[in-house]
């Protein structure tokens, strides 16, 4: 089964299998299945470039996670 996940390092959204751990684009082990508020990322895969925010909590989803700064 695939799920949309976001890389916490390069911010890219991709469809990954549940057992995938590494980002396809940058190779880092930091893909996330949901925003900090729990909202899953399915809505984000087909969005265009530019700023993207979680529709539930408003958090910006572009840029690095605070864990990687």
PDB file of N, CA and C in Angstrom:
ATOM      1  N   UNK A   1       0.847  -1.178   0.000  1.00  0.00           N
ATOM      2  CA  UNK A   1       0.000   0.000   0.000  1.00  0.00           C
ATOM      3  C   UNK A   1       0.891   1.239   0.000  1.00  0.00           C
ATOM      4  N   UNK A   2       0.550   2.232  -0.796  1.00  0.00           N
ATOM      5  CA  UNK A   2       1.333   3.457  -0.860  1.00  0.00           C
ATOM      6  C   UNK A   2       0.659   4.579  -0.090  1.00  0.00           C
ATOM      7  N   UNK A   3       1.483   5.509   0.363  1.00  0.00           N
ATOM      8  CA  UNK A   3       0.993   6.686   1.070  1.00  0.00           C
ATOM      9  C   UNK A   3       1.844   7.871   0.644  1.00  0.00           C
ATOM     10  N   UNK A   4       1.251   9.050   0.647  1.00  0.00           N
ATOM     11  CA  UNK A   4       2.006  10.251   0.340  1.00  0.00           C
ATOM     12  C   UNK A   4       2.788  10.639   1.578  1.00  0.00           C
ATOM     13  N   UNK A   5       4.098  10.841   1.393  1.00  0.00           N
ATOM     14  CA  UNK A   5       4.945  11.248   2.502  1.00  0.00           C
ATOM     15  C   UNK A   5       5.788  12.436   2.073  1.00  0.00           C
ATOM     16  N   UNK A   6       6.214  13.217   3.065  1.00  0.00           N
ATOM     17  CA  UNK A   6       7.034  14.401   2.832  1.00  0.00           C
ATOM     18  C   UNK A   6       8.397  14.178   3.451  1.00  0.00           C
ATOM     19  N   UNK A   7       9.437  14.555   2.713  1.00  0.00           N
ATOM     20  CA  UNK A   7      10.783  14.474   3.263  1.00  0.00           C
ATOM     21  C   UNK A   7      10.999  15.674   4.181  1.00  0.00           C
ATOM     22  N   UNK A   8      11.446  15.432   5.394  1.00  0.00           N
ATOM     23  CA  UNK A   8      11.685  16.504   6.353  1.00  0.00           C
ATOM     24  C   UNK A   8      12.930  17.312   6.007  1.00  0.00           C
ATOM     25  N   UNK A   9      13.759  16.819   5.084  1.00  0.00           N
ATOM     26  CA  UNK A   9      14.989  17.517   4.723  1.00  0.00           C
ATOM     27  C   UNK A   9      14.793  18.377   3.477  1.00  0.00           C
ATOM     28  N   UNK A  10      14.315  17.784   2.379  1.00  0.00           N
ATOM     29  CA  UNK A  10      14.184  18.545   1.132  1.00  0.00           C
ATOM     30  C   UNK A  10      12.754  19.013   0.851  1.00  0.00           C
ATOM     31  N   UNK A  11      11.795  18.626   1.654  1.00  0.00           N
ATOM     32  CA  UNK A  11      10.390  19.056   1.590  1.00  0.00           C
ATOM     33  C   UNK A  11       9.591  18.490   0.428  1.00  0.00           C
ATOM     34  N   UNK A  12      10.132  17.535  -0.312  1.00  0.00           N
ATOM     35  CA  UNK A  12       9.407  17.007  -1.465  1.00  0.00           C
ATOM     36  C   UNK A  12       8.370  15.973  -1.039  1.00  0.00           C
ATOM     37  N   UNK A  13       7.229  16.002  -1.712  1.00  0.00           N
ATOM     38  CA  UNK A  13       6.156  15.041  -1.488  1.00  0.00           C
ATOM     39  C   UNK A  13       6.231  13.970  -2.557  1.00  0.00           C
ATOM     40  N   UNK A  14       6.083  12.716  -2.157  1.00  0.00           N
ATOM     41  CA  UNK A  14       6.106  11.586  -3.084  1.00  0.00           C
ATOM     42  C   UNK A  14       5.190  10.494  -2.539  1.00  0.00           C
ATOM     43  N   UNK A  15       4.838   9.570  -3.411  1.00  0.00           N
ATOM     44  CA  UNK A  15       4.094   8.386  -2.976  1.00  0.00           C
ATOM     45  C   UNK A  15       5.113   7.310  -2.613  1.00  0.00           C
ATOM     46  N   UNK A  16       5.074   6.844  -1.384  1.00  0.00           N
ATOM     47  CA  UNK A  16       5.990   5.817  -0.888  1.00  0.00           C
ATOM     48  C   UNK A  16       5.203   4.623  -0.382  1.00  0.00           C
ATOM     49  N   UNK A  17       5.856   3.480  -0.361  1.00  0.00           N
ATOM     50  CA  UNK A  17       5.271   2.313   0.297  1.00  0.00           C
ATOM     51  C   UNK A  17       5.475   2.464   1.797  1.00  0.00           C
ATOM     52  N   UNK A  18       4.680   1.772   2.581  1.00  0.00           N
ATOM     53  CA  UNK A  18       4.738   1.911   4.035  1.00  0.00           C
ATOM     54  C   UNK A  18       6.114   1.586   4.603  1.00  0.00           C
ATOM     55  N   UNK A  19       6.833   0.648   4.002  1.00  0.00           N
ATOM     56  CA  UNK A  19       8.136   0.246   4.538  1.00  0.00           C
ATOM     57  C   UNK A  19       9.297   1.133   4.071  1.00  0.00           C
ATOM     58  N   UNK A  20       9.046   2.090   3.177  1.00  0.00           N
ATOM     59  CA  UNK A  20      10.113   2.974   2.700  1.00  0.00           C
ATOM     60  C   UNK A  20      10.550   3.913   3.817  1.00  0.00           C
ATOM     61  N   UNK A  21      11.872   4.119   3.923  1.00  0.00           N
ATOM     62  CA  UNK A  21      12.407   4.987   4.974  1.00  0.00           C
ATOM     63  C   UNK A  21      13.218   6.150   4.437  1.00  0.00           C
ATOM     64  N   UNK A  22      13.695   6.043   3.178  1.00  0.00           N
ATOM     65  CA  UNK A  22      14.611   7.043   2.646  1.00  0.00           C
ATOM     66  C   UNK A  22      13.962   7.842   1.523  1.00  0.00           C
ATOM     67  N   UNK A  23      14.270   9.136   1.489  1.00  0.00           N
ATOM     68  CA  UNK A  23      13.740  10.029   0.466  1.00  0.00           C
ATOM     69  C   UNK A  23      14.289   9.654  -0.908  1.00  0.00           C
ATOM     70  N   UNK A  24      13.438   9.585  -1.887  1.00  0.00           N
ATOM     71  CA  UNK A  24      13.829   9.283  -3.257  1.00  0.00           C
ATOM     72  C   UNK A  24      14.663  10.405  -3.862  1.00  0.00           C
ATOM     73  N   UNK A  25      14.399  11.649  -3.483  1.00  0.00           N
ATOM     74  CA  UNK A  25      15.076  12.794  -4.089  1.00  0.00           C
ATOM     75  C   UNK A  25      16.429  13.100  -3.459  1.00  0.00           C
ATOM     76  N   UNK A  26      16.543  13.067  -2.136  1.00  0.00           N
ATOM     77  CA  UNK A  26      17.802  13.473  -1.500  1.00  0.00           C
ATOM     78  C   UNK A  26      18.470  12.364  -0.699  1.00  0.00           C
ATOM     79  N   UNK A  27      17.786  11.238  -0.483  1.00  0.00           N
ATOM     80  CA  UNK A  27      18.385  10.092   0.180  1.00  0.00           C
ATOM     81  C   UNK A  27      18.377  10.108   1.692  1.00  0.00           C
ATOM     82  N   UNK A  28      17.875  11.170   2.299  1.00  0.00           N
ATOM     83  CA  UNK A  28      17.869  11.240   3.758  1.00  0.00           C
ATOM     84  C   UNK A  28      16.772  10.374   4.365  1.00  0.00           C
ATOM     85  N   UNK A  29      17.038   9.888   5.555  1.00  0.00           N
ATOM     86  CA  UNK A  29      16.050   9.107   6.304  1.00  0.00           C
ATOM     87  C   UNK A  29      15.243  10.076   7.151  1.00  0.00           C
ATOM     88  N   UNK A  30      14.171  10.573   6.584  1.00  0.00           N
ATOM     89  CA  UNK A  30      13.375  11.553   7.302  1.00  0.00           C
ATOM     90  C   UNK A  30      12.034  11.799   6.645  1.00  0.00           C
ATOM     91  N   UNK A  31      11.437  10.771   6.047  1.00  0.00           N
ATOM     92  CA  UNK A  31      10.140  10.992   5.405  1.00  0.00           C
ATOM     93  C   UNK A  31       9.030  10.873   6.449  1.00  0.00           C
ATOM     94  N   UNK A  32       8.083  11.791   6.345  1.00  0.00           N
ATOM     95  CA  UNK A  32       6.982  11.899   7.301  1.00  0.00           C
ATOM     96  C   UNK A  32       5.668  11.595   6.598  1.00  0.00           C
ATOM     97  N   UNK A  33       4.784  10.892   7.276  1.00  0.00           N
ATOM     98  CA  UNK A  33       3.489  10.529   6.702  1.00  0.00           C
ATOM     99  C   UNK A  33       2.400  11.547   6.996  1.00  0.00           C
ATOM    100  N   UNK A  34       2.657  12.466   7.933  1.00  0.00           N
ATOM    101  CA  UNK A  34       1.624  13.419   8.322  1.00  0.00           C
ATOM    102  C   UNK A  34       2.256  14.669   8.913  1.00  0.00           C
ATOM    103  N   UNK A  35       1.504  15.744   8.913  1.00  0.00           N
ATOM    104  CA  UNK A  35       1.898  16.988   9.563  1.00  0.00           C
ATOM    105  C   UNK A  35       1.970  16.762  11.074  1.00  0.00           C
ATOM    106  N   UNK A  36       2.600  17.675  11.786  1.00  0.00           N
ATOM    107  CA  UNK A  36       2.670  17.574  13.246  1.00  0.00           C
ATOM    108  C   UNK A  36       1.288  17.500  13.893  1.00  0.00           C
ATOM    109  N   UNK A  37       0.288  18.083  13.227  1.00  0.00           N
ATOM    110  CA  UNK A  37      -1.074  18.078  13.786  1.00  0.00           C
ATOM    111  C   UNK A  37      -1.811  16.771  13.493  1.00  0.00           C
ATOM    112  N   UNK A  38      -1.219  15.897  12.671  1.00  0.00           N
ATOM    113  CA  UNK A  38      -1.844  14.618  12.355  1.00  0.00           C
ATOM    114  C   UNK A  38      -2.507  14.553  10.999  1.00  0.00           C
ATOM    115  N   UNK A  39      -2.639  15.671  10.294  1.00  0.00           N
ATOM    116  CA  UNK A  39      -3.277  15.699   8.973  1.00  0.00           C
ATOM    117  C   UNK A  39      -2.364  15.003   7.969  1.00  0.00           C
ATOM    118  N   UNK A  40      -2.878  14.006   7.257  1.00  0.00           N
ATOM    119  CA  UNK A  40      -2.063  13.282   6.277  1.00  0.00           C
ATOM    120  C   UNK A  40      -1.828  14.154   5.046  1.00  0.00           C
ATOM    121  N   UNK A  41      -0.848  13.779   4.226  1.00  0.00           N
ATOM    122  CA  UNK A  41      -0.394  14.623   3.130  1.00  0.00           C
ATOM    123  C   UNK A  41      -1.006  14.311   1.770  1.00  0.00           C
ATOM    124  N   UNK A  42      -2.055  13.533   1.666  1.00  0.00           N
ATOM    125  CA  UNK A  42      -2.615  13.184   0.362  1.00  0.00           C
ATOM    126  C   UNK A  42      -2.968  14.411  -0.477  1.00  0.00           C
ATOM    127  N   UNK A  43      -3.448  15.459   0.138  1.00  0.00           N
ATOM    128  CA  UNK A  43      -3.855  16.664  -0.578  1.00  0.00           C
ATOM    129  C   UNK A  43      -2.672  17.362  -1.250  1.00  0.00           C
ATOM    130  N   UNK A  44      -1.457  17.181  -0.756  1.00  0.00           N
ATOM    131  CA  UNK A  44      -0.305  17.961  -1.188  1.00  0.00           C
ATOM    132  C   UNK A  44       0.371  17.441  -2.453  1.00  0.00           C
ATOM    133  N   UNK A  45       0.174  16.197  -2.801  1.00  0.00           N
ATOM    134  CA  UNK A  45       0.917  15.606  -3.905  1.00  0.00           C
ATOM    135  C   UNK A  45       0.656  16.309  -5.237  1.00  0.00           C
ATOM    136  N   UNK A  46      -0.536  16.797  -5.462  1.00  0.00           N
ATOM    137  CA  UNK A  46      -0.894  17.390  -6.751  1.00  0.00           C
ATOM    138  C   UNK A  46      -0.903  18.912  -6.724  1.00  0.00           C
ATOM    139  N   UNK A  47      -0.430  19.500  -5.653  1.00  0.00           N
ATOM    140  CA  UNK A  47      -0.376  20.958  -5.572  1.00  0.00           C
ATOM    141  C   UNK A  47       0.829  21.473  -6.343  1.00  0.00           C
ATOM    142  N   UNK A  48       0.746  22.702  -6.790  1.00  0.00           N
ATOM    143  CA  UNK A  48       1.823  23.298  -7.561  1.00  0.00           C
ATOM    144  C   UNK A  48       2.976  23.767  -6.690  1.00  0.00           C
ATOM    145  N   UNK A  49       3.915  24.444  -7.319  1.00  0.00           N
ATOM    146  CA  UNK A  49       5.074  24.976  -6.605  1.00  0.00           C
ATOM    147  C   UNK A  49       4.661  26.192  -5.778  1.00  0.00           C
ATOM    148  N   UNK A  50       5.554  26.611  -4.932  1.00  0.00           N
ATOM    149  CA  UNK A  50       5.287  27.774  -4.090  1.00  0.00           C
ATOM    150  C   UNK A  50       4.996  27.339  -2.663  1.00  0.00           C
ATOM    151  N   UNK A  51       4.549  28.284  -1.875  1.00  0.00           N
ATOM    152  CA  UNK A  51       4.253  27.985  -0.477  1.00  0.00           C
ATOM    153  C   UNK A  51       3.096  27.002  -0.367  1.00  0.00           C
ATOM    154  N   UNK A  52       3.225  26.090   0.579  1.00  0.00           N
ATOM    155  CA  UNK A  52       2.175  25.113   0.831  1.00  0.00           C
ATOM    156  C   UNK A  52       1.978  25.027   2.334  1.00  0.00           C
ATOM    157  N   UNK A  53       0.734  25.081   2.772  1.00  0.00           N
ATOM    158  CA  UNK A  53       0.406  25.067   4.191  1.00  0.00           C
ATOM    159  C   UNK A  53      -0.537  23.933   4.501  1.00  0.00           C
ATOM    160  N   UNK A  54      -0.437  23.413   5.711  1.00  0.00           N
ATOM    161  CA  UNK A  54      -1.374  22.384   6.166  1.00  0.00           C
ATOM    162  C   UNK A  54      -2.753  23.008   6.273  1.00  0.00           C
ATOM    163  N   UNK A  55      -3.772  22.397   5.661  1.00  0.00           N
ATOM    164  CA  UNK A  55      -5.112  22.977   5.724  1.00  0.00           C
ATOM    165  C   UNK A  55      -5.763  22.851   7.100  1.00  0.00           C
ATOM    166  N   UNK A  56      -5.197  22.042   7.975  1.00  0.00           N
ATOM    167  CA  UNK A  56      -5.764  21.881   9.309  1.00  0.00           C
ATOM    168  C   UNK A  56      -5.188  22.881  10.311  1.00  0.00           C
ATOM    169  N   UNK A  57      -3.846  22.993  10.346  1.00  0.00           N
ATOM    170  CA  UNK A  57      -3.227  23.849  11.370  1.00  0.00           C
ATOM    171  C   UNK A  57      -2.538  25.083  10.803  1.00  0.00           C
ATOM    172  N   UNK A  58      -2.358  25.153   9.474  1.00  0.00           N
ATOM    173  CA  UNK A  58      -1.749  26.318   8.846  1.00  0.00           C
ATOM    174  C   UNK A  58      -0.229  26.311   8.831  1.00  0.00           C
ATOM    175  N   UNK A  59       0.405  25.264   9.310  1.00  0.00           N
ATOM    176  CA  UNK A  59       1.868  25.182   9.341  1.00  0.00           C
ATOM    177  C   UNK A  59       2.430  25.173   7.925  1.00  0.00           C
ATOM    178  N   UNK A  60       3.508  25.916   7.689  1.00  0.00           N
ATOM    179  CA  UNK A  60       4.171  25.923   6.389  1.00  0.00           C
ATOM    180  C   UNK A  60       4.843  24.573   6.176  1.00  0.00           C
ATOM    181  N   UNK A  61       4.661  23.982   5.001  1.00  0.00           N
ATOM    182  CA  UNK A  61       5.219  22.671   4.700  1.00  0.00           C
ATOM    183  C   UNK A  61       6.387  22.751   3.735  1.00  0.00           C
ATOM    184  N   UNK A  62       6.939  23.920   3.522  1.00  0.00           N
ATOM    185  CA  UNK A  62       8.140  24.077   2.711  1.00  0.00           C
ATOM    186  C   UNK A  62       9.304  24.353   3.648  1.00  0.00           C
ATOM    187  N   UNK A  63      10.460  23.890   3.277  1.00  0.00           N
ATOM    188  CA  UNK A  63      11.627  24.110   4.116  1.00  0.00           C
ATOM    189  C   UNK A  63      11.903  22.926   5.003  1.00  0.00           C
ATOM    190  N   UNK A  64      13.026  22.969   5.677  1.00  0.00           N
ATOM    191  CA  UNK A  64      13.477  21.844   6.491  1.00  0.00           C
ATOM    192  C   UNK A  64      12.741  21.749   7.813  1.00  0.00           C
ATOM    193  N   UNK A  65      12.653  20.530   8.285  1.00  0.00           N
ATOM    194  CA  UNK A  65      12.143  20.273   9.625  1.00  0.00           C
ATOM    195  C   UNK A  65      13.124  20.849  10.633  1.00  0.00           C
ATOM    196  N   UNK A  66      12.665  21.271  11.772  1.00  0.00           N
ATOM    197  CA  UNK A  66      13.537  21.832  12.808  1.00  0.00           C
ATOM    198  C   UNK A  66      14.572  20.815  13.282  1.00  0.00           C
ATOM    199  N   UNK A  67      14.319  19.519  13.089  1.00  0.00           N
ATOM    200  CA  UNK A  67      15.270  18.480  13.460  1.00  0.00           C
ATOM    201  C   UNK A  67      16.527  18.499  12.591  1.00  0.00           C
ATOM    202  N   UNK A  68      16.460  19.116  11.398  1.00  0.00           N
ATOM    203  CA  UNK A  68      17.560  19.085  10.453  1.00  0.00           C
ATOM    204  C   UNK A  68      18.180  20.456  10.210  1.00  0.00           C
ATOM    205  N   UNK A  69      17.844  21.446  11.007  1.00  0.00           N
ATOM    206  CA  UNK A  69      18.376  22.810  10.826  1.00  0.00           C
ATOM    207  C   UNK A  69      19.745  22.921  11.438  1.00  0.00           C
TER     208      UNK A  69
END
